[in-house]
All heavy atoms as atom14 arrays in JSON, in Angstrom:
{
  "sequence": "AAAAAGIVRLIHNSGTMRLLVGAELSEQDVEAIKEGYDLRQTIS",
  "atom14_mask": [
    [1, 1, 1, 1, 1, 0, 0, 0, 0, 0, 0, 0, 0, 0],
    [1, 1, 1, 1, 1, 0, 0, 0, 0, 0, 0, 0, 0, 0],
    [1, 1, 1, 1, 1, 0, 0, 0, 0, 0, 0, 0, 0, 0],
    [1, 1, 1, 1, 1, 0, 0, 0, 0, 0, 0, 0, 0, 0],
    [1, 1, 1, 1, 1, 0, 0, 0, 0, 0, 0, 0, 0, 0],
    [1, 1, 1, 1, 0, 0, 0, 0, 0, 0, 0, 0, 0, 0],
    [1, 1, 1, 1, 1, 1, 1, 1, 0, 0, 0, 0, 0, 0],
    [1, 1, 1, 1, 1, 1, 1, 0, 0, 0, 0, 0, 0, 0],
    [1, 1, 1, 1, 1, 1, 1, 1, 1, 1, 1, 0, 0, 0],
    [1, 1, 1, 1, 1, 1, 1, 1, 0, 0, 0, 0, 0, 0],
    [1, 1, 1, 1, 1, 1, 1, 1, 0, 0, 0, 0, 0, 0],
    [1, 1, 1, 1, 1, 1, 1, 1, 1, 1, 0, 0, 0, 0],
    [1, 1, 1, 1, 1, 1, 1, 1, 0, 0, 0, 0, 0, 0],
    [1, 1, 1, 1, 1, 1, 0, 0, 0, 0, 0, 0, 0, 0],
    [1, 1, 1, 1, 0, 0, 0, 0, 0, 0, 0, 0, 0, 0],
    [1, 1, 1, 1, 1, 1, 1, 0, 0, 0, 0, 0, 0, 0],
    [1, 1, 1, 1, 1, 1, 1, 1, 0, 0, 0, 0, 0, 0],
    [1, 1, 1, 1, 1, 1, 1, 1, 1, 1, 1, 0, 0, 0],
    [1, 1, 1, 1, 1, 1, 1, 1, 0, 0, 0, 0, 0, 0],
    [1, 1, 1, 1, 1, 1, 1, 1, 0, 0, 0, 0, 0, 0],
    [1, 1, 1, 1, 1, 1, 1, 0, 0, 0, 0, 0, 0, 0],
    [1, 1, 1, 1, 0, 0, 0, 0, 0, 0, 0, 0, 0, 0],
    [1, 1, 1, 1, 1, 0, 0, 0, 0, 0, 0, 0, 0, 0],
    [1, 1, 1, 1, 1, 1, 1, 1, 1, 0, 0, 0, 0, 0],
    [1, 1, 1, 1, 1, 1, 1, 1, 0, 0, 0, 0, 0, 0],
    [1, 1, 1, 1, 1, 1, 0, 0, 0, 0, 0, 0, 0, 0],
    [1, 1, 1, 1, 1, 1, 1, 1, 1, 0, 0, 0, 0, 0],
    [1, 1, 1, 1, 1, 1, 1, 1, 1, 0, 0, 0, 0, 0],
    [1, 1, 1, 1, 1, 1, 1, 1, 0, 0, 0, 0, 0, 0],
    [1, 1, 1, 1, 1, 1, 1, 0, 0, 0, 0, 0, 0, 0],
    [1, 1, 1, 1, 1, 1, 1, 1, 1, 0, 0, 0, 0, 0],
    [1, 1, 1, 1, 1, 0, 0, 0, 0, 0, 0, 0, 0, 0],
    [1, 1, 1, 1, 1, 1, 1, 1, 0, 0, 0, 0, 0, 0],
    [1, 1, 1, 1, 1, 1, 1, 1, 1, 0, 0, 0, 0, 0],
    [1, 1, 1, 1, 1, 1, 1, 1, 1, 0, 0, 0, 0, 0],
    [1, 1, 1, 1, 0, 0, 0, 0, 0, 0, 0, 0, 0, 0],
    [1, 1, 1, 1, 1, 1, 1, 1, 1, 1, 1, 1, 0, 0],
    [1, 1, 1, 1, 1, 1, 1, 1, 0, 0, 0, 0, 0, 0],
    [1, 1, 1, 1, 1, 1, 1, 1, 0, 0, 0, 0, 0, 0],
    [1, 1, 1, 1, 1, 1, 1, 1, 1, 1, 1, 0, 0, 0],
    [1, 1, 1, 1, 1, 1, 1, 1, 1, 0, 0, 0, 0, 0],
    [1, 1, 1, 1, 1, 1, 1, 0, 0, 0, 0, 0, 0, 0],
    [1, 1, 1, 1, 1, 1, 1, 1, 0, 0, 0, 0, 0, 0],
    [1, 1, 1, 1, 1, 1, 0, 0, 0, 0, 0, 0, 0, 0]
  ],
  "atom14_positions": [
    [[84.29, 93.0, 131.06], [84.64, 94.29, 130.46], [86.15, 94.5, 130.42], [86.7, 95.01, 129.45], [83.98, 95.43, 131.22], [0.0, 0.0, 0.0], [0.0, 0.0, 0.0], [0.0, 0.0, 0.0], [0.0, 0.0, 0.0], [0.0, 0.0, 0.0], [0.0, 0.0, 0.0], [0.0, 0.0, 0.0], [0.0, 0.0, 0.0], [0.0, 0.0, 0.0]],
    [[86.86, 94.02, 131.46], [88.32, 94.14, 131.48], [88.93, 93.28, 130.37], [89.82, 93.75, 129.65], [88.88, 93.73, 132.82], [0.0, 0.0, 0.0], [0.0, 0.0, 0.0], [0.0, 0.0, 0.0], [0.0, 0.0, 0.0], [0.0, 0.0, 0.0], [0.0, 0.0, 0.0], [0.0, 0.0, 0.0], [0.0, 0.0, 0.0], [0.0, 0.0, 0.0]],
    [[88.44, 92.07, 130.21], [88.94, 91.21, 129.14], [88.66, 91.82, 127.78], [89.46, 91.73, 126.86], [88.33, 89.82, 129.24], [0.0, 0.0, 0.0], [0.0, 0.0, 0.0], [0.0, 0.0, 0.0], [0.0, 0.0, 0.0], [0.0, 0.0, 0.0], [0.0, 0.0, 0.0], [0.0, 0.0, 0.0], [0.0, 0.0, 0.0], [0.0, 0.0, 0.0]],
    [[87.51, 92.49, 127.68], [87.12, 93.08, 126.41], [88.04, 94.22, 125.99], [88.09, 94.57, 124.83], [85.67, 93.57, 126.49], [0.0, 0.0, 0.0], [0.0, 0.0, 0.0], [0.0, 0.0, 0.0], [0.0, 0.0, 0.0], [0.0, 0.0, 0.0], [0.0, 0.0, 0.0], [0.0, 0.0, 0.0], [0.0, 0.0, 0.0], [0.0, 0.0, 0.0]],
    [[88.81, 94.75, 126.93], [89.72, 95.84, 126.58], [90.74, 95.39, 125.54], [91.21, 96.2, 124.74], [90.45, 96.33, 127.83], [0.0, 0.0, 0.0], [0.0, 0.0, 0.0], [0.0, 0.0, 0.0], [0.0, 0.0, 0.0], [0.0, 0.0, 0.0], [0.0, 0.0, 0.0], [0.0, 0.0, 0.0], [0.0, 0.0, 0.0], [0.0, 0.0, 0.0]],
    [[91.09, 94.12, 125.52], [92.05, 93.61, 124.55], [91.41, 92.96, 123.34], [92.11, 92.49, 122.45], [0.0, 0.0, 0.0], [0.0, 0.0, 0.0], [0.0, 0.0, 0.0], [0.0, 0.0, 0.0], [0.0, 0.0, 0.0], [0.0, 0.0, 0.0], [0.0, 0.0, 0.0], [0.0, 0.0, 0.0], [0.0, 0.0, 0.0], [0.0, 0.0, 0.0]],
    [[90.1, 92.97, 123.29], [89.38, 92.29, 122.22], [89.69, 92.86, 120.86], [89.83, 92.12, 119.89], [87.85, 92.36, 122.48], [87.5, 91.65, 123.77], [87.09, 91.76, 121.33], [87.89, 90.21, 123.83], [0.0, 0.0, 0.0], [0.0, 0.0, 0.0], [0.0, 0.0, 0.0], [0.0, 0.0, 0.0], [0.0, 0.0, 0.0], [0.0, 0.0, 0.0]],
    [[89.81, 94.15, 120.75], [90.09, 94.77, 119.44], [91.36, 94.18, 118.85], [91.44, 93.9, 117.66], [90.17, 96.31, 119.56], [90.64, 96.93, 118.27], [88.82, 96.85, 119.97], [0.0, 0.0, 0.0], [0.0, 0.0, 0.0], [0.0, 0.0, 0.0], [0.0, 0.0, 0.0], [0.0, 0.0, 0.0], [0.0, 0.0, 0.0], [0.0, 0.0, 0.0]],
    [[92.35, 93.97, 119.7], [93.61, 93.4, 119.23], [93.42, 91.95, 118.79], [94.0, 91.51, 117.8], [94.66, 93.52, 120.31], [95.0, 94.97, 120.59], [95.8, 95.16, 121.83], [96.09, 96.59, 121.99], [96.59, 97.11, 123.06], [96.91, 96.35, 124.07], [96.83, 98.4, 123.13], [0.0, 0.0, 0.0], [0.0, 0.0, 0.0], [0.0, 0.0, 0.0]],
    [[92.61, 91.2, 119.53], [92.33, 89.83, 119.17], [91.54, 89.78, 117.85], [91.84, 88.95, 116.98], [91.55, 89.15, 120.3], [91.34, 87.66, 120.19], [92.67, 86.89, 120.27], [90.39, 87.16, 121.27], [0.0, 0.0, 0.0], [0.0, 0.0, 0.0], [0.0, 0.0, 0.0], [0.0, 0.0, 0.0], [0.0, 0.0, 0.0], [0.0, 0.0, 0.0]],
    [[90.58, 90.66, 117.7], [89.8, 90.74, 116.45], [90.73, 91.05, 115.28], [90.62, 90.46, 114.2], [88.67, 91.8, 116.57], [87.61, 91.32, 117.54], [88.07, 92.08, 115.2], [86.58, 92.38, 117.92], [0.0, 0.0, 0.0], [0.0, 0.0, 0.0], [0.0, 0.0, 0.0], [0.0, 0.0, 0.0], [0.0, 0.0, 0.0], [0.0, 0.0, 0.0]],
    [[91.67, 91.97, 115.49], [92.63, 92.35, 114.43], [93.44, 91.13, 113.97], [93.8, 91.04, 112.8], [93.57, 93.44, 114.96], [94.61, 93.85, 113.97], [94.3, 94.62, 112.86], [95.93, 93.57, 113.9], [95.41, 94.81, 112.16], [96.42, 94.18, 112.76], [0.0, 0.0, 0.0], [0.0, 0.0, 0.0], [0.0, 0.0, 0.0], [0.0, 0.0, 0.0]],
    [[93.67, 90.17, 114.88], [94.4, 88.96, 114.56], [93.48, 87.85, 114.02], [93.89, 86.71, 113.9], [95.11, 88.42, 115.81], [96.15, 89.38, 116.33], [96.64, 90.24, 115.62], [96.5, 89.23, 117.61], [0.0, 0.0, 0.0], [0.0, 0.0, 0.0], [0.0, 0.0, 0.0], [0.0, 0.0, 0.0], [0.0, 0.0, 0.0], [0.0, 0.0, 0.0]],
    [[92.21, 88.19, 113.72], [91.2, 87.22, 113.31], [91.06, 86.13, 114.37], [90.88, 84.95, 114.06], [91.54, 86.59, 111.95], [91.59, 87.59, 110.96], [0.0, 0.0, 0.0], [0.0, 0.0, 0.0], [0.0, 0.0, 0.0], [0.0, 0.0, 0.0], [0.0, 0.0, 0.0], [0.0, 0.0, 0.0], [0.0, 0.0, 0.0], [0.0, 0.0, 0.0]],
    [[91.14, 86.55, 115.63], [91.13, 85.6, 116.73], [89.74, 85.18, 117.18], [88.73, 85.73, 116.75], [0.0, 0.0, 0.0], [0.0, 0.0, 0.0], [0.0, 0.0, 0.0], [0.0, 0.0, 0.0], [0.0, 0.0, 0.0], [0.0, 0.0, 0.0], [0.0, 0.0, 0.0], [0.0, 0.0, 0.0], [0.0, 0.0, 0.0], [0.0, 0.0, 0.0]],
    [[89.73, 84.18, 118.04], [88.49, 83.68, 118.64], [88.63, 83.67, 120.16], [89.74, 83.62, 120.69], [88.18, 82.24, 118.17], [89.25, 81.38, 118.56], [87.97, 82.19, 116.67], [0.0, 0.0, 0.0], [0.0, 0.0, 0.0], [0.0, 0.0, 0.0], [0.0, 0.0, 0.0], [0.0, 0.0, 0.0], [0.0, 0.0, 0.0], [0.0, 0.0, 0.0]],
    [[87.49, 83.71, 120.84], [87.48, 83.71, 122.3], [86.43, 82.7, 122.76], [85.32, 82.65, 122.2], [87.12, 85.11, 122.81], [86.98, 85.19, 124.32], [86.4, 86.79, 124.9], [87.93, 87.68, 124.92], [0.0, 0.0, 0.0], [0.0, 0.0, 0.0], [0.0, 0.0, 0.0], [0.0, 0.0, 0.0], [0.0, 0.0, 0.0], [0.0, 0.0, 0.0]],
    [[86.8, 81.92, 123.76], [85.86, 81.0, 124.4], [85.89, 81.26, 125.89], [86.97, 81.27, 126.49], [86.23, 79.55, 124.12], [86.13, 79.18, 122.63], [86.41, 77.74, 122.36], [87.72, 77.35, 122.9], [88.18, 76.11, 122.93], [87.45, 75.13, 122.47], [89.37, 75.84, 123.43], [0.0, 0.0, 0.0], [0.0, 0.0, 0.0], [0.0, 0.0, 0.0]],
    [[84.71, 81.45, 126.46], [84.6, 81.71, 127.9], [83.73, 80.64, 128.53], [82.66, 80.29, 128.01], [83.96, 83.09, 128.15], [84.69, 84.29, 127.56], [83.86, 85.55, 127.78], [86.07, 84.44, 128.18], [0.0, 0.0, 0.0], [0.0, 0.0, 0.0], [0.0, 0.0, 0.0], [0.0, 0.0, 0.0], [0.0, 0.0, 0.0], [0.0, 0.0, 0.0]],
    [[84.18, 80.13, 129.65], [83.43, 79.17, 130.45], [83.23, 79.83, 131.8], [84.2, 80.08, 132.52], [84.24, 77.87, 130.59], [83.59, 76.71, 131.32], [82.35, 76.23, 130.56], [84.6, 75.57, 131.44], [0.0, 0.0, 0.0], [0.0, 0.0, 0.0], [0.0, 0.0, 0.0], [0.0, 0.0, 0.0], [0.0, 0.0, 0.0], [0.0, 0.0, 0.0]],
    [[81.98, 80.19, 132.1], [81.71, 80.95, 133.32], [80.6, 80.3, 134.15], [79.77, 79.58, 133.61], [81.3, 82.41, 133.0], [82.39, 83.14, 132.24], [79.99, 82.47, 132.22], [0.0, 0.0, 0.0], [0.0, 0.0, 0.0], [0.0, 0.0, 0.0], [0.0, 0.0, 0.0], [0.0, 0.0, 0.0], [0.0, 0.0, 0.0], [0.0, 0.0, 0.0]],
    [[80.64, 80.56, 135.43], [79.55, 80.16, 136.3], [78.61, 81.34, 136.48], [78.95, 82.48, 136.15], [0.0, 0.0, 0.0], [0.0, 0.0, 0.0], [0.0, 0.0, 0.0], [0.0, 0.0, 0.0], [0.0, 0.0, 0.0], [0.0, 0.0, 0.0], [0.0, 0.0, 0.0], [0.0, 0.0, 0.0], [0.0, 0.0, 0.0], [0.0, 0.0, 0.0]],
    [[77.43, 81.07, 136.96], [76.45, 82.14, 137.19], [75.94, 82.02, 138.62], [75.81, 80.93, 139.14], [75.3, 82.05, 136.2], [0.0, 0.0, 0.0], [0.0, 0.0, 0.0], [0.0, 0.0, 0.0], [0.0, 0.0, 0.0], [0.0, 0.0, 0.0], [0.0, 0.0, 0.0], [0.0, 0.0, 0.0], [0.0, 0.0, 0.0], [0.0, 0.0, 0.0]],
    [[75.68, 83.16, 139.22], [75.07, 83.17, 140.54], [73.58, 83.38, 140.37], [73.14, 84.39, 139.85], [75.66, 84.3, 141.39], [77.11, 84.07, 141.73], [77.67, 85.16, 142.61], [76.93, 86.09, 142.98], [78.85, 85.08, 142.94], [0.0, 0.0, 0.0], [0.0, 0.0, 0.0], [0.0, 0.0, 0.0], [0.0, 0.0, 0.0], [0.0, 0.0, 0.0]],
    [[72.81, 82.39, 140.78], [71.36, 82.47, 140.68], [70.76, 82.72, 142.06], [71.23, 82.15, 143.06], [70.79, 81.17, 140.11], [71.25, 80.79, 138.7], [70.63, 79.46, 138.29], [70.89, 81.88, 137.7], [0.0, 0.0, 0.0], [0.0, 0.0, 0.0], [0.0, 0.0, 0.0], [0.0, 0.0, 0.0], [0.0, 0.0, 0.0], [0.0, 0.0, 0.0]],
    [[69.73, 83.55, 142.1], [69.05, 83.79, 143.37], [68.07, 82.66, 143.66], [67.79, 81.83, 142.78], [68.28, 85.13, 143.28], [67.2, 84.99, 142.37], [0.0, 0.0, 0.0], [0.0, 0.0, 0.0], [0.0, 0.0, 0.0], [0.0, 0.0, 0.0], [0.0, 0.0, 0.0], [0.0, 0.0, 0.0], [0.0, 0.0, 0.0], [0.0, 0.0, 0.0]],
    [[67.55, 82.64, 144.85], [66.52, 81.65, 145.21], [65.33, 81.77, 144.23], [64.76, 80.78, 143.83], [66.05, 81.87, 146.66], [67.08, 81.56, 147.71], [67.23, 80.08, 147.99], [66.38, 79.28, 147.58], [68.24, 79.71, 148.62], [0.0, 0.0, 0.0], [0.0, 0.0, 0.0], [0.0, 0.0, 0.0], [0.0, 0.0, 0.0], [0.0, 0.0, 0.0]],
    [[64.97, 83.02, 143.9], [63.85, 83.25, 143.0], [64.14, 82.7, 141.6], [63.25, 82.14, 140.96], [63.51, 84.75, 142.89], [62.99, 85.36, 144.18], [64.11, 85.74, 145.15], [65.29, 85.69, 144.83], [63.72, 86.09, 146.37], [0.0, 0.0, 0.0], [0.0, 0.0, 0.0], [0.0, 0.0, 0.0], [0.0, 0.0, 0.0], [0.0, 0.0, 0.0]],
    [[65.39, 82.85, 141.14], [65.76, 82.29, 139.84], [65.59, 80.78, 139.83], [65.01, 80.2, 138.9], [67.22, 82.61, 139.5], [67.49, 84.09, 139.31], [66.56, 84.82, 138.89], [68.64, 84.51, 139.55], [0.0, 0.0, 0.0], [0.0, 0.0, 0.0], [0.0, 0.0, 0.0], [0.0, 0.0, 0.0], [0.0, 0.0, 0.0], [0.0, 0.0, 0.0]],
    [[66.06, 80.12, 140.89], [65.99, 78.67, 140.98], [64.53, 78.22, 141.07], [64.12, 77.26, 140.41], [66.81, 78.14, 142.17], [66.58, 76.65, 142.39], [68.3, 78.43, 141.94], [0.0, 0.0, 0.0], [0.0, 0.0, 0.0], [0.0, 0.0, 0.0], [0.0, 0.0, 0.0], [0.0, 0.0, 0.0], [0.0, 0.0, 0.0], [0.0, 0.0, 0.0]],
    [[63.71, 78.93, 141.84], [62.29, 78.6, 141.93], [61.62, 78.74, 140.57], [60.79, 77.91, 140.2], [61.58, 79.47, 142.98], [61.84, 79.03, 144.4], [61.47, 77.57, 144.65], [60.38, 77.12, 144.26], [62.32, 76.85, 145.24], [0.0, 0.0, 0.0], [0.0, 0.0, 0.0], [0.0, 0.0, 0.0], [0.0, 0.0, 0.0], [0.0, 0.0, 0.0]],
    [[61.96, 79.78, 139.83], [61.38, 79.97, 138.5], [61.73, 78.8, 137.59], [60.88, 78.3, 136.84], [61.86, 81.29, 137.9], [0.0, 0.0, 0.0], [0.0, 0.0, 0.0], [0.0, 0.0, 0.0], [0.0, 0.0, 0.0], [0.0, 0.0, 0.0], [0.0, 0.0, 0.0], [0.0, 0.0, 0.0], [0.0, 0.0, 0.0], [0.0, 0.0, 0.0]],
    [[62.96, 78.33, 137.66], [63.4, 77.2, 136.84], [62.63, 75.95, 137.26], [62.14, 75.2, 136.4], [64.92, 77.0, 136.96], [65.66, 78.18, 136.31], [65.35, 75.67, 136.34], [67.14, 78.26, 136.64], [0.0, 0.0, 0.0], [0.0, 0.0, 0.0], [0.0, 0.0, 0.0], [0.0, 0.0, 0.0], [0.0, 0.0, 0.0], [0.0, 0.0, 0.0]],
    [[62.46, 75.73, 138.56], [61.73, 74.56, 139.05], [60.26, 74.61, 138.61], [59.64, 73.56, 138.41], [61.81, 74.47, 140.58], [63.17, 74.02, 141.07], [63.2, 73.93, 142.59], [64.55, 73.49, 143.1], [64.6, 73.44, 144.58], [0.0, 0.0, 0.0], [0.0, 0.0, 0.0], [0.0, 0.0, 0.0], [0.0, 0.0, 0.0], [0.0, 0.0, 0.0]],
    [[59.7, 75.81, 138.46], [58.31, 75.96, 138.05], [58.16, 75.83, 136.55], [57.07, 75.97, 136.02], [57.76, 77.3, 138.53], [57.59, 77.37, 140.03], [57.17, 78.75, 140.51], [56.76, 79.6, 139.68], [57.26, 78.99, 141.74], [0.0, 0.0, 0.0], [0.0, 0.0, 0.0], [0.0, 0.0, 0.0], [0.0, 0.0, 0.0], [0.0, 0.0, 0.0]],
    [[59.28, 75.6, 135.86], [59.17, 75.35, 134.43], [59.59, 76.51, 133.54], [59.47, 76.42, 132.33], [0.0, 0.0, 0.0], [0.0, 0.0, 0.0], [0.0, 0.0, 0.0], [0.0, 0.0, 0.0], [0.0, 0.0, 0.0], [0.0, 0.0, 0.0], [0.0, 0.0, 0.0], [0.0, 0.0, 0.0], [0.0, 0.0, 0.0], [0.0, 0.0, 0.0]],
    [[60.03, 77.62, 134.15], [60.5, 78.72, 133.32], [61.74, 78.28, 132.56], [62.5, 77.41, 133.03], [60.81, 79.95, 134.17], [59.59, 80.67, 134.66], [58.95, 80.26, 135.82], [59.07, 81.75, 133.94], [57.81, 80.91, 136.26], [57.94, 82.41, 134.38], [57.3, 81.98, 135.54], [56.17, 82.61, 135.98], [0.0, 0.0, 0.0], [0.0, 0.0, 0.0]],
    [[61.95, 78.86, 131.41], [63.08, 78.49, 130.56], [64.4, 78.75, 131.24], [64.68, 79.84, 131.7], [63.0, 79.29, 129.25], [64.09, 78.92, 128.28], [64.1, 77.77, 127.82], [64.97, 79.77, 128.02], [0.0, 0.0, 0.0], [0.0, 0.0, 0.0], [0.0, 0.0, 0.0], [0.0, 0.0, 0.0], [0.0, 0.0, 0.0], [0.0, 0.0, 0.0]],
    [[65.24, 77.72, 131.31], [66.55, 77.8, 131.97], [67.41, 78.87, 131.33], [67.99, 79.71, 132.02], [67.25, 76.44, 131.91], [68.66, 76.36, 132.47], [68.65, 76.62, 133.97], [69.28, 75.0, 132.18], [0.0, 0.0, 0.0], [0.0, 0.0, 0.0], [0.0, 0.0, 0.0], [0.0, 0.0, 0.0], [0.0, 0.0, 0.0], [0.0, 0.0, 0.0]],
    [[67.53, 78.87, 130.0], [68.36, 79.87, 129.31], [67.89, 81.29, 129.59], [68.7, 82.18, 129.84], [68.36, 79.64, 127.81], [69.19, 78.48, 127.35], [69.11, 78.38, 125.84], [69.81, 77.24, 125.35], [71.02, 77.28, 124.81], [71.62, 78.43, 124.68], [71.61, 76.2, 124.4], [0.0, 0.0, 0.0], [0.0, 0.0, 0.0], [0.0, 0.0, 0.0]],
    [[66.58, 81.49, 129.54], [66.05, 82.83, 129.75], [66.32, 83.3, 131.18], [66.72, 84.44, 131.4], [64.54, 82.84, 129.46], [63.89, 84.19, 129.58], [64.36, 85.16, 128.5], [64.78, 84.76, 127.42], [64.32, 86.43, 128.79], [0.0, 0.0, 0.0], [0.0, 0.0, 0.0], [0.0, 0.0, 0.0], [0.0, 0.0, 0.0], [0.0, 0.0, 0.0]],
    [[66.14, 82.43, 132.16], [66.36, 82.78, 133.56], [67.83, 83.12, 133.8], [68.15, 84.12, 134.45], [65.89, 81.64, 134.47], [64.53, 81.35, 134.21], [66.06, 82.01, 135.94], [0.0, 0.0, 0.0], [0.0, 0.0, 0.0], [0.0, 0.0, 0.0], [0.0, 0.0, 0.0], [0.0, 0.0, 0.0], [0.0, 0.0, 0.0], [0.0, 0.0, 0.0]],
    [[68.73, 82.29, 133.27], [70.16, 82.56, 133.44], [70.56, 83.85, 132.74], [71.3, 84.66, 133.27], [70.99, 81.36, 132.94], [70.74, 80.16, 133.83], [72.47, 81.71, 132.88], [71.32, 78.87, 133.3], [0.0, 0.0, 0.0], [0.0, 0.0, 0.0], [0.0, 0.0, 0.0], [0.0, 0.0, 0.0], [0.0, 0.0, 0.0], [0.0, 0.0, 0.0]],
    [[70.04, 84.05, 131.52], [70.36, 85.27, 130.79], [69.94, 86.51, 131.57], [70.7, 87.48, 131.69], [69.65, 85.28, 129.44], [70.14, 84.27, 128.62], [0.0, 0.0, 0.0], [0.0, 0.0, 0.0], [0.0, 0.0, 0.0], [0.0, 0.0, 0.0], [0.0, 0.0, 0.0], [0.0, 0.0, 0.0], [0.0, 0.0, 0.0], [0.0, 0.0, 0.0]]
  ]
}
């Protein structure tokens, strides 16, 4: 949200943004993935 504060200015410049982030998954999230739940859906 803090980075997004400047987004309007970047958009005005026809700019692009790329973010590379890590995610914190709970034990339950990891178990769901191991049981075959969709990785993208669980992370989302």
